[in-house]
N, C-alpha and C. Protein backbone atom coordinates (compact mmCIF):
# COMPACT_ATOMS: atom_id res chain seq x y z
N MET A 1 74.62 -28.57 -0.72
CA MET A 1 73.25 -28.41 -0.86
C MET A 1 72.55 -29.53 -0.06
N GLN A 2 71.48 -29.13 0.62
CA GLN A 2 70.75 -30.10 1.43
C GLN A 2 69.96 -31.05 0.54
N LYS A 3 69.97 -32.32 0.87
CA LYS A 3 69.25 -33.31 0.17
C LYS A 3 68.06 -33.78 1.00
N VAL A 4 66.76 -33.57 0.41
CA VAL A 4 65.61 -33.87 1.13
C VAL A 4 64.78 -34.98 0.42
N PHE A 5 64.49 -36.03 1.19
CA PHE A 5 63.76 -37.14 0.72
C PHE A 5 62.20 -36.90 0.93
N LEU A 6 61.42 -37.09 -0.15
CA LEU A 6 59.96 -36.91 -0.08
C LEU A 6 59.27 -38.25 0.07
N ASP A 7 58.61 -38.50 1.13
CA ASP A 7 57.85 -39.71 1.24
C ASP A 7 56.66 -39.63 0.37
N THR A 8 56.07 -40.83 0.09
CA THR A 8 54.90 -40.91 -0.83
C THR A 8 53.81 -39.98 -0.53
N ASN A 9 53.46 -39.75 0.73
CA ASN A 9 52.35 -38.93 1.00
C ASN A 9 52.66 -37.42 0.68
N ILE A 10 53.83 -37.07 0.71
CA ILE A 10 54.23 -35.77 0.34
C ILE A 10 54.12 -35.45 -1.18
N VAL A 11 54.59 -36.51 -1.94
CA VAL A 11 54.47 -36.45 -3.33
C VAL A 11 52.96 -36.45 -3.84
N ILE A 12 52.22 -37.28 -3.18
CA ILE A 12 50.77 -37.25 -3.50
C ILE A 12 50.10 -35.91 -3.12
N ASP A 13 50.52 -35.39 -1.95
CA ASP A 13 50.02 -34.04 -1.52
C ASP A 13 50.29 -33.00 -2.67
N PHE A 14 51.48 -33.06 -3.20
CA PHE A 14 51.88 -31.99 -4.18
C PHE A 14 51.14 -32.29 -5.54
N LEU A 15 51.33 -33.48 -6.09
CA LEU A 15 50.75 -33.75 -7.45
C LEU A 15 49.21 -33.82 -7.41
N GLY A 16 48.73 -34.27 -6.21
CA GLY A 16 47.25 -34.35 -6.16
C GLY A 16 46.65 -33.05 -5.64
N GLU A 17 47.41 -32.09 -5.32
CA GLU A 17 47.00 -30.76 -4.82
C GLU A 17 46.00 -30.94 -3.68
N ARG A 18 46.41 -31.73 -2.74
CA ARG A 18 45.54 -32.03 -1.63
C ARG A 18 45.31 -30.84 -0.74
N ASP A 19 43.97 -30.54 -0.44
CA ASP A 19 43.68 -29.39 0.43
C ASP A 19 44.32 -29.56 1.71
N GLY A 20 44.83 -28.49 2.30
CA GLY A 20 45.51 -28.55 3.68
C GLY A 20 46.89 -28.92 3.58
N PHE A 21 47.40 -29.52 2.60
CA PHE A 21 48.76 -29.99 2.50
C PHE A 21 49.55 -29.46 1.38
N TYR A 22 48.88 -29.06 0.28
CA TYR A 22 49.63 -28.67 -0.92
C TYR A 22 50.53 -27.44 -0.74
N ASP A 23 49.98 -26.42 -0.12
CA ASP A 23 50.70 -25.17 -0.08
C ASP A 23 52.14 -25.34 0.54
N ALA A 24 52.18 -26.00 1.64
CA ALA A 24 53.52 -26.19 2.26
C ALA A 24 54.47 -26.98 1.39
N VAL A 25 53.95 -28.06 0.74
CA VAL A 25 54.74 -28.92 -0.10
C VAL A 25 55.24 -28.09 -1.35
N ALA A 26 54.30 -27.37 -1.85
CA ALA A 26 54.68 -26.47 -3.02
C ALA A 26 55.81 -25.50 -2.72
N LYS A 27 55.84 -24.99 -1.48
CA LYS A 27 56.89 -24.06 -1.10
C LYS A 27 58.23 -24.85 -1.03
N VAL A 28 58.16 -26.12 -0.52
CA VAL A 28 59.39 -26.92 -0.51
C VAL A 28 59.89 -27.16 -1.89
N LEU A 29 58.99 -27.54 -2.87
CA LEU A 29 59.34 -27.78 -4.29
C LEU A 29 59.81 -26.52 -4.92
N THR A 30 59.37 -25.32 -4.49
CA THR A 30 59.88 -24.12 -5.06
C THR A 30 61.32 -23.97 -4.61
N LEU A 31 61.73 -24.35 -3.49
CA LEU A 31 63.18 -24.30 -3.07
C LEU A 31 63.94 -25.23 -4.00
N ALA A 32 63.44 -26.39 -4.34
CA ALA A 32 64.19 -27.27 -5.26
C ALA A 32 64.23 -26.61 -6.62
N ASP A 33 63.24 -25.98 -7.05
CA ASP A 33 63.21 -25.37 -8.37
C ASP A 33 64.18 -24.24 -8.43
N LYS A 34 64.40 -23.46 -7.29
CA LYS A 34 65.43 -22.48 -7.17
C LYS A 34 66.80 -22.95 -6.93
N LYS A 35 66.96 -24.33 -6.86
CA LYS A 35 68.27 -24.98 -6.66
C LYS A 35 68.85 -24.65 -5.25
N LYS A 36 67.95 -24.42 -4.28
CA LYS A 36 68.40 -24.21 -2.89
C LYS A 36 68.51 -25.49 -2.13
N ILE A 37 67.67 -26.50 -2.55
CA ILE A 37 67.78 -27.85 -2.01
C ILE A 37 67.67 -28.87 -3.14
N LYS A 38 67.98 -30.10 -2.94
CA LYS A 38 67.82 -31.14 -3.94
C LYS A 38 66.84 -32.14 -3.24
N VAL A 39 65.84 -32.44 -4.06
CA VAL A 39 64.79 -33.38 -3.48
C VAL A 39 64.86 -34.72 -4.23
N PHE A 40 64.52 -35.78 -3.49
CA PHE A 40 64.59 -37.10 -4.00
C PHE A 40 63.29 -37.82 -3.52
N THR A 41 62.87 -38.85 -4.23
CA THR A 41 61.81 -39.78 -3.86
C THR A 41 62.21 -41.08 -4.41
N SER A 42 61.56 -42.12 -4.04
CA SER A 42 61.81 -43.46 -4.46
C SER A 42 60.93 -43.87 -5.61
N PRO A 43 61.45 -44.91 -6.35
CA PRO A 43 60.60 -45.50 -7.42
C PRO A 43 59.26 -45.95 -6.85
N THR A 44 59.20 -46.40 -5.65
CA THR A 44 57.96 -46.91 -5.02
C THR A 44 57.04 -45.75 -4.94
N SER A 45 57.51 -44.58 -4.50
CA SER A 45 56.62 -43.33 -4.40
C SER A 45 56.09 -42.99 -5.72
N ILE A 46 56.90 -43.01 -6.74
CA ILE A 46 56.43 -42.65 -8.03
C ILE A 46 55.32 -43.62 -8.48
N GLY A 47 55.58 -44.92 -8.36
CA GLY A 47 54.51 -45.86 -8.67
C GLY A 47 53.22 -45.69 -7.90
N ASN A 48 53.31 -45.55 -6.61
CA ASN A 48 52.14 -45.33 -5.79
C ASN A 48 51.43 -44.02 -6.10
N THR A 49 52.18 -42.97 -6.33
CA THR A 49 51.57 -41.69 -6.72
C THR A 49 50.82 -41.85 -8.11
N PHE A 50 51.46 -42.49 -9.03
CA PHE A 50 50.74 -42.67 -10.32
C PHE A 50 49.46 -43.43 -10.09
N TYR A 51 49.50 -44.49 -9.34
CA TYR A 51 48.27 -45.31 -9.00
C TYR A 51 47.18 -44.39 -8.46
N VAL A 52 47.44 -43.55 -7.50
CA VAL A 52 46.43 -42.76 -6.82
C VAL A 52 45.94 -41.58 -7.75
N LEU A 53 46.76 -41.00 -8.54
CA LEU A 53 46.46 -39.92 -9.42
C LEU A 53 45.59 -40.52 -10.61
N ALA A 54 46.02 -41.66 -11.12
CA ALA A 54 45.27 -42.20 -12.24
C ALA A 54 43.84 -42.64 -11.81
N LYS A 55 43.72 -43.10 -10.54
CA LYS A 55 42.49 -43.41 -10.00
C LYS A 55 41.50 -42.27 -9.93
N TYR A 56 42.02 -41.16 -9.49
CA TYR A 56 41.15 -40.03 -9.28
C TYR A 56 41.14 -39.00 -10.46
N GLU A 57 42.08 -39.11 -11.38
CA GLU A 57 42.08 -38.21 -12.56
C GLU A 57 41.99 -39.16 -13.72
N ASN A 58 43.12 -39.29 -14.43
CA ASN A 58 43.24 -40.29 -15.54
C ASN A 58 44.69 -40.63 -15.81
N THR A 59 44.99 -41.61 -16.49
CA THR A 59 46.30 -42.09 -16.76
C THR A 59 47.18 -41.05 -17.44
N LYS A 60 46.57 -40.36 -18.48
CA LYS A 60 47.36 -39.37 -19.25
C LYS A 60 47.71 -38.18 -18.33
N ILE A 61 46.74 -37.66 -17.52
CA ILE A 61 47.11 -36.53 -16.63
C ILE A 61 48.13 -36.97 -15.58
N ALA A 62 47.93 -38.22 -15.10
CA ALA A 62 48.86 -38.70 -13.99
C ALA A 62 50.25 -38.82 -14.52
N LEU A 63 50.41 -39.31 -15.81
CA LEU A 63 51.80 -39.41 -16.39
C LEU A 63 52.37 -38.10 -16.65
N GLU A 64 51.60 -37.12 -17.11
CA GLU A 64 52.06 -35.77 -17.39
C GLU A 64 52.59 -35.12 -16.13
N LYS A 65 51.79 -35.24 -15.03
CA LYS A 65 52.23 -34.70 -13.69
C LYS A 65 53.49 -35.27 -13.25
N ILE A 66 53.65 -36.61 -13.39
CA ILE A 66 54.89 -37.34 -12.99
C ILE A 66 56.05 -36.82 -13.86
N ARG A 67 55.78 -36.69 -15.13
CA ARG A 67 56.87 -36.26 -16.07
C ARG A 67 57.43 -34.92 -15.67
N LYS A 68 56.51 -33.95 -15.31
CA LYS A 68 56.94 -32.63 -14.89
C LYS A 68 57.59 -32.69 -13.56
N PHE A 69 57.09 -33.46 -12.63
CA PHE A 69 57.64 -33.57 -11.30
C PHE A 69 59.05 -34.14 -11.35
N LYS A 70 59.26 -35.03 -12.24
CA LYS A 70 60.59 -35.61 -12.43
C LYS A 70 61.66 -34.65 -12.78
N LEU A 71 61.30 -33.52 -13.35
CA LEU A 71 62.20 -32.38 -13.67
C LEU A 71 62.73 -31.73 -12.40
N LEU A 72 62.00 -31.82 -11.29
CA LEU A 72 62.40 -31.22 -10.03
C LEU A 72 62.99 -32.22 -9.00
N CYS A 73 62.71 -33.46 -9.24
CA CYS A 73 62.98 -34.50 -8.22
C CYS A 73 63.87 -35.63 -8.84
N SER A 74 64.88 -35.96 -8.06
CA SER A 74 65.74 -37.13 -8.39
C SER A 74 65.15 -38.36 -7.88
N ILE A 75 65.42 -39.46 -8.44
CA ILE A 75 64.91 -40.70 -7.94
C ILE A 75 66.03 -41.52 -7.20
N SER A 76 65.72 -41.83 -6.03
CA SER A 76 66.73 -42.65 -5.25
C SER A 76 66.64 -44.16 -5.69
N VAL A 77 67.61 -44.88 -5.27
CA VAL A 77 67.65 -46.32 -5.64
C VAL A 77 66.79 -47.18 -4.76
N MET A 78 66.28 -48.20 -5.33
CA MET A 78 65.54 -49.14 -4.60
C MET A 78 66.08 -50.49 -5.08
N ASP A 79 67.18 -50.94 -4.48
CA ASP A 79 67.95 -52.09 -5.00
C ASP A 79 67.98 -53.23 -3.96
N GLU A 80 68.75 -54.19 -4.22
CA GLU A 80 68.81 -55.36 -3.32
C GLU A 80 69.34 -54.95 -1.94
N GLU A 81 70.29 -54.04 -1.79
CA GLU A 81 70.84 -53.65 -0.57
C GLU A 81 69.76 -52.92 0.32
N VAL A 82 68.94 -52.04 -0.35
CA VAL A 82 67.83 -51.30 0.29
C VAL A 82 66.87 -52.34 0.85
N VAL A 83 66.47 -53.27 -0.04
CA VAL A 83 65.54 -54.30 0.37
C VAL A 83 66.08 -55.13 1.60
N GLU A 84 67.29 -55.55 1.49
CA GLU A 84 67.91 -56.36 2.53
C GLU A 84 67.90 -55.55 3.88
N LYS A 85 68.27 -54.36 3.87
CA LYS A 85 68.27 -53.50 5.09
C LYS A 85 66.87 -53.33 5.59
N ALA A 86 65.94 -53.18 4.72
CA ALA A 86 64.54 -53.04 5.15
C ALA A 86 64.00 -54.29 5.82
N ILE A 87 64.40 -55.44 5.24
CA ILE A 87 63.93 -56.76 5.78
C ILE A 87 64.45 -56.88 7.17
N ASN A 88 65.73 -56.55 7.39
CA ASN A 88 66.39 -56.74 8.69
C ASN A 88 66.27 -55.55 9.67
N SER A 89 65.41 -54.58 9.40
CA SER A 89 65.36 -53.47 10.24
C SER A 89 64.30 -53.63 11.38
N ASP A 90 64.22 -52.60 12.28
CA ASP A 90 63.28 -52.63 13.30
C ASP A 90 62.02 -51.87 13.01
N PHE A 91 61.91 -51.43 11.73
CA PHE A 91 60.67 -50.68 11.32
C PHE A 91 59.50 -51.58 11.36
N LYS A 92 58.37 -51.10 11.89
CA LYS A 92 57.16 -51.97 11.96
C LYS A 92 56.51 -51.98 10.57
N ASP A 93 56.66 -50.99 9.77
CA ASP A 93 56.10 -50.93 8.38
C ASP A 93 57.20 -51.23 7.32
N PHE A 94 57.04 -52.17 6.57
CA PHE A 94 58.04 -52.55 5.70
C PHE A 94 58.28 -51.50 4.57
N GLU A 95 57.13 -50.92 4.10
CA GLU A 95 57.28 -49.85 3.06
C GLU A 95 58.03 -48.64 3.62
N ASP A 96 57.78 -48.29 4.90
CA ASP A 96 58.47 -47.18 5.52
C ASP A 96 60.05 -47.48 5.60
N ALA A 97 60.30 -48.74 5.93
CA ALA A 97 61.72 -49.17 5.97
C ALA A 97 62.39 -49.06 4.61
N MET A 98 61.62 -49.48 3.53
CA MET A 98 62.14 -49.30 2.18
C MET A 98 62.36 -47.83 1.83
N GLN A 99 61.45 -46.99 2.23
CA GLN A 99 61.61 -45.56 2.02
C GLN A 99 62.84 -45.03 2.76
N TYR A 100 62.99 -45.37 3.97
CA TYR A 100 64.10 -44.87 4.76
C TYR A 100 65.44 -45.34 4.22
N TYR A 101 65.54 -46.54 3.85
CA TYR A 101 66.93 -47.00 3.38
C TYR A 101 67.16 -46.52 1.94
N SER A 102 66.13 -46.22 1.23
CA SER A 102 66.30 -45.54 -0.11
C SER A 102 66.79 -44.16 0.10
N ALA A 103 66.25 -43.47 1.10
CA ALA A 103 66.74 -42.12 1.39
C ALA A 103 68.20 -42.17 1.91
N ILE A 104 68.53 -43.03 2.75
CA ILE A 104 69.93 -43.21 3.21
C ILE A 104 70.84 -43.51 2.09
N SER A 105 70.44 -44.33 1.14
CA SER A 105 71.34 -44.73 0.04
C SER A 105 71.55 -43.44 -0.90
N ALA A 106 70.65 -42.56 -0.84
CA ALA A 106 70.88 -41.31 -1.68
C ALA A 106 71.54 -40.24 -0.89
N ASN A 107 71.95 -40.60 0.32
CA ASN A 107 72.67 -39.62 1.27
C ASN A 107 71.79 -38.45 1.55
N CYS A 108 70.50 -38.68 1.75
CA CYS A 108 69.61 -37.57 2.11
C CYS A 108 69.92 -37.08 3.50
N ASP A 109 69.64 -35.86 3.71
CA ASP A 109 69.91 -35.24 5.07
C ASP A 109 68.68 -35.32 5.92
N LEU A 110 67.46 -35.44 5.33
CA LEU A 110 66.30 -35.56 6.12
C LEU A 110 65.18 -36.17 5.28
N ILE A 111 64.09 -36.58 6.02
CA ILE A 111 62.92 -37.18 5.25
C ILE A 111 61.74 -36.25 5.58
N LEU A 112 60.99 -35.87 4.52
CA LEU A 112 59.72 -35.17 4.72
C LEU A 112 58.58 -36.17 4.57
N THR A 113 57.74 -36.08 5.54
CA THR A 113 56.56 -37.01 5.61
C THR A 113 55.49 -36.39 6.40
N ARG A 114 54.24 -36.88 6.24
CA ARG A 114 53.14 -36.49 7.20
C ARG A 114 53.07 -37.54 8.27
N ASN A 115 53.75 -38.62 8.18
CA ASN A 115 53.76 -39.68 9.14
C ASN A 115 55.11 -39.79 9.87
N GLU A 116 55.42 -38.83 10.60
CA GLU A 116 56.69 -38.77 11.29
C GLU A 116 56.82 -39.92 12.26
N LYS A 117 55.83 -40.35 12.92
CA LYS A 117 55.90 -41.44 13.95
C LYS A 117 56.32 -42.74 13.28
N ASP A 118 56.02 -42.87 11.96
CA ASP A 118 56.45 -44.11 11.33
C ASP A 118 57.92 -44.23 11.04
N PHE A 119 58.61 -43.19 11.31
CA PHE A 119 60.06 -43.16 11.16
C PHE A 119 60.87 -42.96 12.44
N LYS A 120 60.26 -43.45 13.55
CA LYS A 120 60.89 -43.19 14.87
C LYS A 120 62.32 -43.75 14.99
N ASN A 121 62.59 -44.82 14.10
CA ASN A 121 64.00 -45.43 14.23
C ASN A 121 64.98 -44.70 13.32
N SER A 122 64.54 -43.63 12.72
CA SER A 122 65.41 -42.92 11.76
C SER A 122 66.65 -42.28 12.44
N MET A 123 67.79 -42.42 11.72
CA MET A 123 69.00 -41.79 12.14
C MET A 123 69.17 -40.43 11.54
N ILE A 124 68.31 -39.98 10.71
CA ILE A 124 68.27 -38.66 10.13
C ILE A 124 67.01 -37.96 10.55
N PRO A 125 66.99 -36.65 10.57
CA PRO A 125 65.78 -35.96 10.94
C PRO A 125 64.56 -36.33 9.99
N VAL A 126 63.42 -36.33 10.66
CA VAL A 126 62.16 -36.61 9.95
C VAL A 126 61.17 -35.50 10.35
N MET A 127 60.54 -34.88 9.36
CA MET A 127 59.61 -33.83 9.76
C MET A 127 58.56 -33.64 8.67
N ASN A 128 57.49 -32.88 8.99
CA ASN A 128 56.49 -32.56 8.01
C ASN A 128 56.93 -31.30 7.25
N ALA A 129 56.26 -31.00 6.16
CA ALA A 129 56.66 -29.86 5.24
C ALA A 129 56.54 -28.52 6.05
N GLU A 130 55.58 -28.34 6.88
CA GLU A 130 55.40 -27.09 7.66
C GLU A 130 56.59 -26.89 8.57
N SER A 131 56.97 -27.92 9.28
CA SER A 131 58.08 -27.83 10.17
C SER A 131 59.37 -27.62 9.45
N TYR A 132 59.52 -28.20 8.37
CA TYR A 132 60.74 -28.04 7.54
C TYR A 132 60.83 -26.60 7.14
N LEU A 133 59.79 -26.01 6.61
CA LEU A 133 59.87 -24.64 6.15
C LEU A 133 60.25 -23.65 7.19
N GLN A 134 59.94 -23.98 8.46
CA GLN A 134 60.36 -23.10 9.54
C GLN A 134 61.87 -23.17 9.85
N THR A 135 62.47 -24.28 9.35
CA THR A 135 63.93 -24.38 9.62
C THR A 135 64.76 -23.74 8.47
N VAL A 136 64.13 -23.49 7.35
CA VAL A 136 64.84 -22.97 6.14
C VAL A 136 65.10 -21.45 6.23
N LYS A 137 66.44 -21.17 5.94
CA LYS A 137 66.76 -19.81 5.95
C LYS A 137 66.07 -19.07 4.74
N LYS A 138 65.49 -18.04 5.04
CA LYS A 138 64.75 -17.25 3.96
C LYS A 138 65.69 -16.52 3.05
């Protein structure tokens, strides 16, 4: 089964139901719900998503959305090894490096993000949700 890592912006697009981005991400999460793929995100993404949702909605709603999302999504590790690799990487953005090495530690096959250019040093494919859906067998 393919393992897909969801960058923070993808998680926020889904849980925040962002116009223009939600539909494609929802289709990806439907694949996870149907057990066609396995999705992962990092603890950092969960924390950042909670912060954004709580700011625009409220804490109770944000926690409930994350609780439900957690049923579909596994959490990758963010440990000393991930941090060390990120510190010593060629990534310009430290948070992107943390996300990347967290995805690698979970043996993910690809990273879904809206900021593909931020992962130009990636050794695994990086794409947006729309592009990914075009590659999936129906």
